[in-house]
Amino acid sequence: MDQRTSADALIQKNDQATALLGVVCGLVAALFWALGFAGTRHGLKVGFTPVDLLVHRYVWSGIAFLPLVMRAGISDLCGIGWRRGLALMVLGGPVMSLISYTGFLFVPLGHGSVIQPSCATLGGLLLAAVFLKEHISASRLAGAFVIVGGLGVIGAESIGHIGTDGVLGDLTFVLTGLMFAGFGALLRHWRVSAVSAALVINVLSLLLLPIYLMTGGLARVAAIGVSENAIQALAQGVLAGPAALYLYAVSVQRLGVARAAVFPACVPALTLLTGWLLLGEMPTMLQAAGLVTVLCGFYLAQRQR
């Protein structure tokens, strides 16, 4: 009896350690994404195009990771396969990022930083329930409805103050949020390791580099200056790119899609905070009201019951 009790206690301790690691990875990923959002907004202001930012996010890490993928096997992309690798690249890689960067041309930082993570959470909960058959508690369902209400408040500002371009920008972030939800669900369904996902997505992104070079992109970013390019290389190419992607993949593996999907909860608040401190962009009253509503929904969505 004592041995069984000790074994149960050891299992419980291991489960808690696994869950804690997943939580820490998810929170740090949220911080890195927030810094990436702020870096994107800053980069567009100083003259970078969405494609320029895309190159900073994926090319440098892709070059660094290429020898690792070659060693593991380029023919089957580290065991993931080309079909699955391309699907992950579209949903969680450069295609999704390019659409997201474009959205910031139409709306303020607060919109993208709230709408995209919120829709990633909503989509993650839906896919976890329908596609992966994970149990979704009543509290999480209630949280999803509250999140939708918060998004409605933010959307009202777009219609009333920004116009049709603002609505288009908001819908862009709805799309990218749902794309990222699909990325997380496929990671879980295909049981793709965090390391393999980060390596393959960044290396496959190198396929887009020749097109960028032929269109004169290198000369354009060089004209902006070394310091600004260094900022984007760090914000996009390290923190918001492979580091956040790897940490999120770890959280999915440790906690499951439904629980990991709520970690974007921290992204809106962290982005508005960093945008205020680093860029001087104060959130409007409607943005703040929508953010508070969304965070209440995230709180409900994080509860176990």
C-alpha atoms as a PDB file:
ATOM      1  CA  MET A   1       0.000   0.000   0.000  1.00  0.00           C
ATOM      2  CA  ASP A   2       2.824   2.364   0.903  1.00  0.00           C
ATOM      3  CA  GLN A   3       4.614   1.494  -2.314  1.00  0.00           C
ATOM      4  CA  ARG A   4       1.490   2.215  -4.338  1.00  0.00           C
ATOM      5  CA  THR A   5       1.031   5.532  -2.549  1.00  0.00           C
ATOM      6  CA  SER A   6       4.642   6.477  -3.214  1.00  0.00           C
ATOM      7  CA  ALA A   7       4.300   5.547  -6.867  1.00  0.00           C
ATOM      8  CA  ASP A   8       1.125   7.627  -7.204  1.00  0.00           C
ATOM      9  CA  ALA A   9       2.822  10.575  -5.524  1.00  0.00           C
ATOM     10  CA  LEU A  10       5.793  10.273  -7.894  1.00  0.00           C
ATOM     11  CA  ILE A  11       3.509  10.156 -10.919  1.00  0.00           C
ATOM     12  CA  GLN A  12       1.594  13.187  -9.672  1.00  0.00           C
ATOM     13  CA  LYS A  13       4.844  15.057  -9.097  1.00  0.00           C
ATOM     14  CA  ASN A  14       6.044  14.240 -12.604  1.00  0.00           C
ATOM     15  CA  ASP A  15       2.722  15.368 -14.063  1.00  0.00           C
ATOM     16  CA  GLN A  16       2.960  18.652 -12.177  1.00  0.00           C
ATOM     17  CA  ALA A  17       6.501  19.224 -13.392  1.00  0.00           C
ATOM     18  CA  THR A  18       5.427  18.518 -16.976  1.00  0.00           C
ATOM     19  CA  ALA A  19       2.491  20.911 -16.681  1.00  0.00           C
ATOM     20  CA  LEU A  20       4.680  23.606 -15.110  1.00  0.00           C
ATOM     21  CA  LEU A  21       7.148  23.374 -17.967  1.00  0.00           C
ATOM     22  CA  GLY A  22       4.284  23.738 -20.437  1.00  0.00           C
ATOM     23  CA  VAL A  23       2.967  26.805 -18.612  1.00  0.00           C
ATOM     24  CA  VAL A  24       6.369  28.503 -18.474  1.00  0.00           C
ATOM     25  CA  CYS A  25       7.006  27.834 -22.155  1.00  0.00           C
ATOM     26  CA  GLY A  26       3.581  29.192 -23.084  1.00  0.00           C
ATOM     27  CA  LEU A  27       4.031  32.386 -21.080  1.00  0.00           C
ATOM     28  CA  VAL A  28       7.496  33.105 -22.461  1.00  0.00           C
ATOM     29  CA  ALA A  29       6.219  32.471 -25.985  1.00  0.00           C
ATOM     30  CA  ALA A  30       3.468  35.036 -25.327  1.00  0.00           C
ATOM     31  CA  LEU A  31       6.067  37.621 -24.257  1.00  0.00           C
ATOM     32  CA  PHE A  32       8.149  36.993 -27.367  1.00  0.00           C
ATOM     33  CA  TRP A  33       5.083  37.339 -29.604  1.00  0.00           C
ATOM     34  CA  ALA A  34       4.202  40.609 -27.898  1.00  0.00           C
ATOM     35  CA  LEU A  35       7.667  41.964 -28.599  1.00  0.00           C
ATOM     36  CA  GLY A  36       7.296  40.773 -32.184  1.00  0.00           C
ATOM     37  CA  PHE A  37       4.018  42.692 -32.575  1.00  0.00           C
ATOM     38  CA  ALA A  38       5.632  45.858 -31.228  1.00  0.00           C
ATOM     39  CA  GLY A  39       8.637  45.336 -33.474  1.00  0.00           C
ATOM     40  CA  THR A  40       6.365  44.910 -36.490  1.00  0.00           C
ATOM     41  CA  ARG A  41       4.518  48.145 -35.825  1.00  0.00           C
ATOM     42  CA  HIS A  42       7.810  49.996 -35.347  1.00  0.00           C
ATOM     43  CA  GLY A  43       9.322  48.457 -38.463  1.00  0.00           C
ATOM     44  CA  LEU A  44       6.425  49.505 -40.690  1.00  0.00           C
ATOM     45  CA  LYS A  45       6.699  53.046 -39.326  1.00  0.00           C
ATOM     46  CA  VAL A  46      10.402  53.382 -40.194  1.00  0.00           C
ATOM     47  CA  GLY A  47       9.980  52.121 -43.751  1.00  0.00           C
ATOM     48  CA  PHE A  48      10.080  48.326 -43.821  1.00  0.00           C
ATOM     49  CA  THR A  49       7.493  46.535 -45.966  1.00  0.00           C
ATOM     50  CA  PRO A  50       5.664  43.407 -44.748  1.00  0.00           C
ATOM     51  CA  VAL A  51       7.905  41.320 -47.009  1.00  0.00           C
ATOM     52  CA  ASP A  52      11.038  42.886 -45.489  1.00  0.00           C
ATOM     53  CA  LEU A  53       9.854  41.913 -42.011  1.00  0.00           C
ATOM     54  CA  LEU A  54       9.065  38.434 -43.278  1.00  0.00           C
ATOM     55  CA  VAL A  55      12.655  38.007 -44.418  1.00  0.00           C
ATOM     56  CA  HIS A  56      13.974  39.112 -41.038  1.00  0.00           C
ATOM     57  CA  ARG A  57      11.698  36.669 -39.278  1.00  0.00           C
ATOM     58  CA  TYR A  58      12.569  33.546 -41.223  1.00  0.00           C
ATOM     59  CA  VAL A  59      15.669  33.836 -43.400  1.00  0.00           C
ATOM     60  CA  TRP A  60      18.377  34.252 -40.751  1.00  0.00           C
ATOM     61  CA  SER A  61      17.124  31.382 -38.635  1.00  0.00           C
ATOM     62  CA  GLY A  62      16.501  29.346 -41.789  1.00  0.00           C
ATOM     63  CA  ILE A  63      20.140  29.719 -42.807  1.00  0.00           C
ATOM     64  CA  ALA A  64      21.275  28.787 -39.295  1.00  0.00           C
ATOM     65  CA  PHE A  65      18.997  25.723 -39.180  1.00  0.00           C
ATOM     66  CA  LEU A  66      19.702  24.457 -42.705  1.00  0.00           C
ATOM     67  CA  PRO A  67      22.731  22.300 -41.734  1.00  0.00           C
ATOM     68  CA  LEU A  68      20.662  20.639 -38.977  1.00  0.00           C
ATOM     69  CA  VAL A  69      17.859  19.755 -41.374  1.00  0.00           C
ATOM     70  CA  MET A  70      20.349  18.508 -43.973  1.00  0.00           C
ATOM     71  CA  ARG A  71      21.920  16.261 -41.352  1.00  0.00           C
ATOM     72  CA  ALA A  72      18.559  14.918 -40.149  1.00  0.00           C
ATOM     73  CA  GLY A  73      17.368  14.271 -43.676  1.00  0.00           C
ATOM     74  CA  ILE A  74      16.155  16.805 -46.225  1.00  0.00           C
ATOM     75  CA  SER A  75      14.308  14.153 -48.232  1.00  0.00           C
ATOM     76  CA  ASP A  76      11.684  13.649 -45.526  1.00  0.00           C
ATOM     77  CA  LEU A  77      12.204  16.953 -43.639  1.00  0.00           C
ATOM     78  CA  CYS A  78      13.319  15.524 -40.306  1.00  0.00           C
ATOM     79  CA  GLY A  79      10.686  12.802 -40.518  1.00  0.00           C
ATOM     80  CA  ILE A  80       7.789  15.260 -40.928  1.00  0.00           C
ATOM     81  CA  GLY A  81       7.465  14.861 -44.687  1.00  0.00           C
ATOM     82  CA  TRP A  82       7.122  17.526 -47.354  1.00  0.00           C
ATOM     83  CA  ARG A  83       3.317  17.551 -47.409  1.00  0.00           C
ATOM     84  CA  ARG A  84       3.025  18.080 -43.679  1.00  0.00           C
ATOM     85  CA  GLY A  85       5.973  20.438 -43.597  1.00  0.00           C
ATOM     86  CA  LEU A  86       4.445  22.698 -46.245  1.00  0.00           C
ATOM     87  CA  ALA A  87       1.097  22.679 -44.422  1.00  0.00           C
ATOM     88  CA  LEU A  88       2.783  23.753 -41.182  1.00  0.00           C
ATOM     89  CA  MET A  89       4.755  26.419 -43.042  1.00  0.00           C
ATOM     90  CA  VAL A  90       1.553  27.943 -44.440  1.00  0.00           C
ATOM     91  CA  LEU A  91      -0.440  27.884 -41.195  1.00  0.00           C
ATOM     92  CA  GLY A  92       2.313  28.796 -38.726  1.00  0.00           C
ATOM     93  CA  GLY A  93       5.073  30.209 -40.889  1.00  0.00           C
ATOM     94  CA  PRO A  94       5.751  32.888 -43.511  1.00  0.00           C
ATOM     95  CA  VAL A  95       2.352  32.840 -45.215  1.00  0.00           C
ATOM     96  CA  MET A  96       0.514  33.480 -41.951  1.00  0.00           C
ATOM     97  CA  SER A  97       3.101  36.070 -40.887  1.00  0.00           C
ATOM     98  CA  LEU A  98       2.908  38.000 -44.157  1.00  0.00           C
ATOM     99  CA  ILE A  99      -0.875  38.301 -43.849  1.00  0.00           C
ATOM    100  CA  SER A 100      -0.485  39.416 -40.234  1.00  0.00           C
ATOM    101  CA  TYR A 101       2.128  42.075 -41.067  1.00  0.00           C
ATOM    102  CA  THR A 102      -0.153  43.455 -43.779  1.00  0.00           C
ATOM    103  CA  GLY A 103      -2.944  43.912 -41.239  1.00  0.00           C
ATOM    104  CA  PHE A 104      -0.886  46.460 -39.317  1.00  0.00           C
ATOM    105  CA  LEU A 105      -0.963  48.736 -42.359  1.00  0.00           C
ATOM    106  CA  PHE A 106      -4.683  49.284 -41.701  1.00  0.00           C
ATOM    107  CA  VAL A 107      -5.204  49.247 -37.924  1.00  0.00           C
ATOM    108  CA  PRO A 108      -3.351  50.284 -34.729  1.00  0.00           C
ATOM    109  CA  LEU A 109      -1.160  47.943 -32.711  1.00  0.00           C
ATOM    110  CA  GLY A 110      -3.899  47.259 -30.157  1.00  0.00           C
ATOM    111  CA  HIS A 111      -6.212  45.684 -32.736  1.00  0.00           C
ATOM    112  CA  GLY A 112      -3.847  43.065 -34.092  1.00  0.00           C
ATOM    113  CA  SER A 113      -2.421  42.245 -30.680  1.00  0.00           C
ATOM    114  CA  VAL A 114      -5.897  41.470 -29.317  1.00  0.00           C
ATOM    115  CA  ILE A 115      -7.756  39.996 -32.287  1.00  0.00           C
ATOM    116  CA  GLN A 116      -5.141  37.562 -33.604  1.00  0.00           C
ATOM    117  CA  PRO A 117      -4.351  35.827 -30.273  1.00  0.00           C
ATOM    118  CA  SER A 118      -8.051  35.820 -29.334  1.00  0.00           C
ATOM    119  CA  CYS A 119      -9.055  34.113 -32.560  1.00  0.00           C
ATOM    120  CA  ALA A 120      -6.158  31.685 -32.133  1.00  0.00           C
ATOM    121  CA  THR A 121      -7.645  30.748 -28.762  1.00  0.00           C
ATOM    122  CA  LEU A 122     -11.204  30.442 -30.087  1.00  0.00           C
ATOM    123  CA  GLY A 123     -10.050  28.402 -33.058  1.00  0.00           C
ATOM    124  CA  GLY A 124      -7.857  26.230 -30.851  1.00  0.00           C
ATOM    125  CA  LEU A 125     -10.761  25.407 -28.548  1.00  0.00           C
ATOM    126  CA  LEU A 126     -13.014  24.597 -31.494  1.00  0.00           C
ATOM    127  CA  LEU A 127     -10.468  22.370 -33.219  1.00  0.00           C
ATOM    128  CA  ALA A 128      -9.568  20.649 -29.952  1.00  0.00           C
ATOM    129  CA  ALA A 129     -13.220  19.722 -29.433  1.00  0.00           C
ATOM    130  CA  VAL A 130     -14.232  18.832 -33.008  1.00  0.00           C
ATOM    131  CA  PHE A 131     -11.021  17.587 -34.599  1.00  0.00           C
ATOM    132  CA  LEU A 132      -9.008  16.163 -31.694  1.00  0.00           C
ATOM    133  CA  LYS A 133     -11.967  15.162 -29.478  1.00  0.00           C
ATOM    134  CA  GLU A 134     -10.487  16.857 -26.395  1.00  0.00           C
ATOM    135  CA  HIS A 135     -12.875  17.633 -23.537  1.00  0.00           C
ATOM    136  CA  ILE A 136     -13.873  21.301 -23.361  1.00  0.00           C
ATOM    137  CA  SER A 137     -15.291  22.427 -20.022  1.00  0.00           C
ATOM    138  CA  ALA A 138     -18.343  24.657 -19.623  1.00  0.00           C
ATOM    139  CA  SER A 139     -16.092  27.398 -18.248  1.00  0.00           C
ATOM    140  CA  ARG A 140     -13.986  27.378 -21.388  1.00  0.00           C
ATOM    141  CA  LEU A 141     -17.082  27.581 -23.580  1.00  0.00           C
ATOM    142  CA  ALA A 142     -18.337  30.539 -21.528  1.00  0.00           C
ATOM    143  CA  GLY A 143     -14.931  32.165 -21.882  1.00  0.00           C
ATOM    144  CA  ALA A 144     -15.115  31.754 -25.648  1.00  0.00           C
ATOM    145  CA  PHE A 145     -18.423  33.651 -25.793  1.00  0.00           C
ATOM    146  CA  VAL A 146     -16.997  36.446 -23.618  1.00  0.00           C
ATOM    147  CA  ILE A 147     -13.968  36.702 -25.928  1.00  0.00           C
ATOM    148  CA  VAL A 148     -16.301  37.088 -28.904  1.00  0.00           C
ATOM    149  CA  GLY A 149     -18.014  39.939 -27.046  1.00  0.00           C
ATOM    150  CA  GLY A 150     -14.685  41.663 -26.473  1.00  0.00           C
ATOM    151  CA  LEU A 151     -13.799  41.318 -30.149  1.00  0.00           C
ATOM    152  CA  GLY A 152     -17.141  42.909 -30.978  1.00  0.00           C
ATOM    153  CA  VAL A 153     -16.215  45.955 -28.892  1.00  0.00           C
ATOM    154  CA  ILE A 154     -12.918  46.309 -30.740  1.00  0.00           C
ATOM    155  CA  GLY A 155     -14.668  45.807 -34.075  1.00  0.00           C
ATOM    156  CA  ALA A 156     -17.085  48.609 -33.205  1.00  0.00           C
ATOM    157  CA  GLU A 157     -14.145  51.006 -32.986  1.00  0.00           C
ATOM    158  CA  SER A 158     -12.973  49.922 -36.433  1.00  0.00           C
ATOM    159  CA  ILE A 159     -16.346  50.699 -37.971  1.00  0.00           C
ATOM    160  CA  GLY A 160     -16.852  53.973 -36.106  1.00  0.00           C
ATOM    161  CA  HIS A 161     -13.375  55.507 -36.207  1.00  0.00           C
ATOM    162  CA  ILE A 162     -11.203  53.778 -38.799  1.00  0.00           C
ATOM    163  CA  GLY A 163     -13.685  52.881 -41.551  1.00  0.00           C
ATOM    164  CA  THR A 164     -13.714  50.026 -44.042  1.00  0.00           C
ATOM    165  CA  ASP A 165      -9.910  49.739 -44.051  1.00  0.00           C
ATOM    166  CA  GLY A 166     -10.050  49.130 -40.303  1.00  0.00           C
ATOM    167  CA  VAL A 167     -12.602  46.361 -40.745  1.00  0.00           C
ATOM    168  CA  LEU A 168     -10.395  44.791 -43.414  1.00  0.00           C
ATOM    169  CA  GLY A 169      -7.422  44.941 -41.049  1.00  0.00           C
ATOM    170  CA  ASP A 170      -9.407  43.339 -38.243  1.00  0.00           C
ATOM    171  CA  LEU A 171     -10.623  40.537 -40.534  1.00  0.00           C
ATOM    172  CA  THR A 172      -7.009  39.954 -41.533  1.00  0.00           C
ATOM    173  CA  PHE A 173      -6.139  39.217 -37.903  1.00  0.00           C
ATOM    174  CA  VAL A 174      -9.189  36.963 -37.548  1.00  0.00           C
ATOM    175  CA  LEU A 175      -7.848  34.908 -40.457  1.00  0.00           C
ATOM    176  CA  THR A 176      -4.291  34.684 -39.119  1.00  0.00           C
ATOM    177  CA  GLY A 177      -5.544  33.744 -35.662  1.00  0.00           C
ATOM    178  CA  LEU A 178      -7.560  30.860 -37.094  1.00  0.00           C
ATOM    179  CA  MET A 179      -4.592  29.802 -39.211  1.00  0.00           C
ATOM    180  CA  PHE A 180      -2.400  29.581 -36.128  1.00  0.00           C
ATOM    181  CA  ALA A 181      -5.077  27.565 -34.340  1.00  0.00           C
ATOM    182  CA  GLY A 182      -4.906  25.085 -37.202  1.00  0.00           C
ATOM    183  CA  PHE A 183      -1.133  24.990 -36.857  1.00  0.00           C
ATOM    184  CA  GLY A 184      -1.383  24.024 -33.180  1.00  0.00           C
ATOM    185  CA  ALA A 185      -4.001  21.361 -33.879  1.00  0.00           C
ATOM    186  CA  LEU A 186      -1.876  19.759 -36.598  1.00  0.00           C
ATOM    187  CA  LEU A 187       1.176  19.743 -34.329  1.00  0.00           C
ATOM    188  CA  ARG A 188      -0.792  17.729 -31.809  1.00  0.00           C
ATOM    189  CA  HIS A 189      -2.523  15.480 -34.355  1.00  0.00           C
ATOM    190  CA  TRP A 190       0.661  14.606 -36.232  1.00  0.00           C
ATOM    191  CA  ARG A 191       2.738  14.471 -33.024  1.00  0.00           C
ATOM    192  CA  VAL A 192       5.403  16.712 -34.519  1.00  0.00           C
ATOM    193  CA  SER A 193       8.197  17.533 -32.097  1.00  0.00           C
ATOM    194  CA  ALA A 194       8.850  21.138 -31.134  1.00  0.00           C
ATOM    195  CA  VAL A 195      12.400  21.059 -32.484  1.00  0.00           C
ATOM    196  CA  SER A 196      11.387  19.552 -35.827  1.00  0.00           C
ATOM    197  CA  ALA A 197       8.564  22.067 -36.318  1.00  0.00           C
ATOM    198  CA  ALA A 198      10.830  25.066 -35.667  1.00  0.00           C
ATOM    199  CA  LEU A 199      13.617  23.710 -37.887  1.00  0.00           C
ATOM    200  CA  VAL A 200      11.466  22.725 -40.839  1.00  0.00           C
ATOM    201  CA  ILE A 201       9.313  25.873 -40.992  1.00  0.00           C
ATOM    202  CA  ASN A 202      12.312  28.185 -40.969  1.00  0.00           C
ATOM    203  CA  VAL A 203      14.270  26.154 -43.523  1.00  0.00           C
ATOM    204  CA  LEU A 204      11.304  25.869 -45.910  1.00  0.00           C
ATOM    205  CA  SER A 205      10.966  29.646 -45.726  1.00  0.00           C
ATOM    206  CA  LEU A 206      14.280  29.916 -47.586  1.00  0.00           C
ATOM    207  CA  LEU A 207      12.369  28.888 -50.721  1.00  0.00           C
ATOM    208  CA  LEU A 208      11.002  32.450 -50.827  1.00  0.00           C
ATOM    209  CA  LEU A 209      14.424  34.138 -50.625  1.00  0.00           C
ATOM    210  CA  PRO A 210      15.304  34.101 -54.374  1.00  0.00           C
ATOM    211  CA  ILE A 211      12.075  35.962 -55.202  1.00  0.00           C
ATOM    212  CA  TYR A 212      12.885  38.602 -52.598  1.00  0.00           C
ATOM    213  CA  LEU A 213      16.410  39.120 -53.894  1.00  0.00           C
ATOM    214  CA  MET A 214      15.253  39.437 -57.500  1.00  0.00           C
ATOM    215  CA  THR A 215      12.826  42.214 -56.558  1.00  0.00           C
ATOM    216  CA  GLY A 216      15.522  44.424 -55.006  1.00  0.00           C
ATOM    217  CA  GLY A 217      14.598  43.819 -51.392  1.00  0.00           C
ATOM    218  CA  LEU A 218      18.180  43.669 -50.149  1.00  0.00           C
ATOM    219  CA  ALA A 219      18.990  47.188 -51.310  1.00  0.00           C
ATOM    220  CA  ARG A 220      15.768  48.509 -49.761  1.00  0.00           C
ATOM    221  CA  VAL A 221      16.441  47.175 -46.265  1.00  0.00           C
ATOM    222  CA  ALA A 222      20.117  48.204 -46.431  1.00  0.00           C
ATOM    223  CA  ALA A 223      19.037  51.806 -46.986  1.00  0.00           C
ATOM    224  CA  ILE A 224      17.087  51.811 -43.710  1.00  0.00           C
ATOM    225  CA  GLY A 225      20.224  51.356 -41.611  1.00  0.00           C
ATOM    226  CA  VAL A 226      22.115  48.764 -39.592  1.00  0.00           C
ATOM    227  CA  SER A 227      20.512  49.496 -36.212  1.00  0.00           C
ATOM    228  CA  GLU A 228      16.932  49.190 -37.462  1.00  0.00           C
ATOM    229  CA  ASN A 229      17.745  45.963 -39.256  1.00  0.00           C
ATOM    230  CA  ALA A 230      19.393  44.608 -36.102  1.00  0.00           C
ATOM    231  CA  ILE A 231      16.236  45.391 -34.103  1.00  0.00           C
ATOM    232  CA  GLN A 232      14.076  43.471 -36.574  1.00  0.00           C
ATOM    233  CA  ALA A 233      16.534  40.581 -36.782  1.00  0.00           C
ATOM    234  CA  LEU A 234      16.258  40.169 -33.006  1.00  0.00           C
ATOM    235  CA  ALA A 235      12.528  40.847 -32.626  1.00  0.00           C
ATOM    236  CA  GLN A 236      11.372  38.866 -35.653  1.00  0.00           C
ATOM    237  CA  GLY A 237      14.221  36.498 -36.464  1.00  0.00           C
ATOM    238  CA  VAL A 238      14.895  35.265 -32.929  1.00  0.00           C
ATOM    239  CA  LEU A 239      12.165  36.091 -30.395  1.00  0.00           C
ATOM    240  CA  ALA A 240       8.866  36.100 -32.320  1.00  0.00           C
ATOM    241  CA  GLY A 241      10.143  33.540 -34.803  1.00  0.00           C
ATOM    242  CA  PRO A 242      11.865  30.266 -33.902  1.00  0.00           C
ATOM    243  CA  ALA A 243      12.058  30.886 -30.144  1.00  0.00           C
ATOM    244  CA  ALA A 244       8.329  31.558 -29.686  1.00  0.00           C
ATOM    245  CA  LEU A 245       7.396  28.829 -32.167  1.00  0.00           C
ATOM    246  CA  TYR A 246       9.491  26.259 -30.332  1.00  0.00           C
ATOM    247  CA  LEU A 247       8.154  27.258 -26.918  1.00  0.00           C
ATOM    248  CA  TYR A 248       4.560  27.144 -28.127  1.00  0.00           C
ATOM    249  CA  ALA A 249       5.109  23.699 -29.639  1.00  0.00           C
ATOM    250  CA  VAL A 250       6.476  22.502 -26.284  1.00  0.00           C
ATOM    251  CA  SER A 251       3.410  23.871 -24.472  1.00  0.00           C
ATOM    252  CA  VAL A 252       1.104  22.068 -26.921  1.00  0.00           C
ATOM    253  CA  GLN A 253       2.919  18.803 -26.346  1.00  0.00           C
ATOM    254  CA  ARG A 254       2.952  19.154 -22.545  1.00  0.00           C
ATOM    255  CA  LEU A 255      -0.566  20.506 -22.018  1.00  0.00           C
ATOM    256  CA  GLY A 256      -2.655  19.626 -25.062  1.00  0.00           C
ATOM    257  CA  VAL A 257      -4.201  21.913 -27.665  1.00  0.00           C
ATOM    258  CA  ALA A 258      -7.136  23.134 -25.556  1.00  0.00           C
ATOM    259  CA  ARG A 259      -4.992  24.300 -22.625  1.00  0.00           C
ATOM    260  CA  ALA A 260      -2.103  25.608 -24.722  1.00  0.00           C
ATOM    261  CA  ALA A 261      -4.548  27.571 -26.886  1.00  0.00           C
ATOM    262  CA  VAL A 262      -5.280  29.943 -24.009  1.00  0.00           C
ATOM    263  CA  PHE A 263      -1.685  31.127 -23.617  1.00  0.00           C
ATOM    264  CA  PRO A 264      -2.209  33.839 -26.223  1.00  0.00           C
ATOM    265  CA  ALA A 265      -4.260  35.380 -23.373  1.00  0.00           C
ATOM    266  CA  CYS A 266      -1.139  37.178 -22.258  1.00  0.00           C
ATOM    267  CA  VAL A 267      -0.273  38.539 -25.691  1.00  0.00           C
ATOM    268  CA  PRO A 268      -2.814  41.422 -25.896  1.00  0.00           C
ATOM    269  CA  ALA A 269      -1.943  42.893 -22.503  1.00  0.00           C
ATOM    270  CA  LEU A 270       1.789  42.444 -23.020  1.00  0.00           C
ATOM    271  CA  THR A 271       1.630  43.983 -26.495  1.00  0.00           C
ATOM    272  CA  LEU A 272      -0.355  47.009 -25.385  1.00  0.00           C
ATOM    273  CA  LEU A 273       2.095  47.453 -22.512  1.00  0.00           C
ATOM    274  CA  THR A 274       5.197  47.149 -24.706  1.00  0.00           C
ATOM    275  CA  GLY A 275       3.582  49.326 -27.384  1.00  0.00           C
ATOM    276  CA  TRP A 276       2.953  52.008 -24.788  1.00  0.00           C
ATOM    277  CA  LEU A 277       6.418  51.778 -23.202  1.00  0.00           C
ATOM    278  CA  LEU A 278       8.463  51.289 -26.379  1.00  0.00           C
ATOM    279  CA  LEU A 279       6.407  53.021 -29.073  1.00  0.00           C
ATOM    280  CA  GLY A 280       4.322  55.533 -27.123  1.00  0.00           C
ATOM    281  CA  GLU A 281       0.998  54.184 -28.474  1.00  0.00           C
ATOM    282  CA  MET A 282      -1.648  54.664 -25.803  1.00  0.00           C
ATOM    283  CA  PRO A 283      -4.687  52.364 -26.157  1.00  0.00           C
ATOM    284  CA  THR A 284      -8.033  54.072 -26.739  1.00  0.00           C
ATOM    285  CA  MET A 285     -10.947  53.656 -24.346  1.00  0.00           C
ATOM    286  CA  LEU A 286     -12.703  51.187 -26.648  1.00  0.00           C
ATOM    287  CA  GLN A 287      -9.500  49.204 -27.112  1.00  0.00           C
ATOM    288  CA  ALA A 288      -9.025  49.076 -23.344  1.00  0.00           C
ATOM    289  CA  ALA A 289     -12.653  48.033 -22.795  1.00  0.00           C
ATOM    290  CA  GLY A 290     -12.344  45.320 -25.426  1.00  0.00           C
ATOM    291  CA  LEU A 291      -9.063  44.156 -23.923  1.00  0.00           C
ATOM    292  CA  VAL A 292     -10.541  43.850 -20.430  1.00  0.00           C
ATOM    293  CA  THR A 293     -13.500  41.899 -21.815  1.00  0.00           C
ATOM    294  CA  VAL A 294     -11.205  39.566 -23.738  1.00  0.00           C
ATOM    295  CA  LEU A 295      -9.004  38.987 -20.692  1.00  0.00           C
ATOM    296  CA  CYS A 296     -12.091  38.064 -18.632  1.00  0.00           C
ATOM    297  CA  GLY A 297     -12.953  35.543 -21.307  1.00  0.00           C
ATOM    298  CA  PHE A 298      -9.425  34.175 -21.252  1.00  0.00           C
ATOM    299  CA  TYR A 299      -9.641  33.772 -17.482  1.00  0.00           C
ATOM    300  CA  LEU A 300     -12.756  31.645 -17.882  1.00  0.00           C
ATOM    301  CA  ALA A 301     -11.175  29.715 -20.751  1.00  0.00           C
ATOM    302  CA  GLN A 302      -8.131  28.835 -18.619  1.00  0.00           C
ATOM    303  CA  ARG A 303     -10.143  27.298 -15.796  1.00  0.00           C
ATOM    304  CA  GLN A 304     -10.252  23.535 -15.602  1.00  0.00           C
ATOM    305  CA  ARG A 305     -14.000  23.281 -14.858  1.00  0.00           C
END
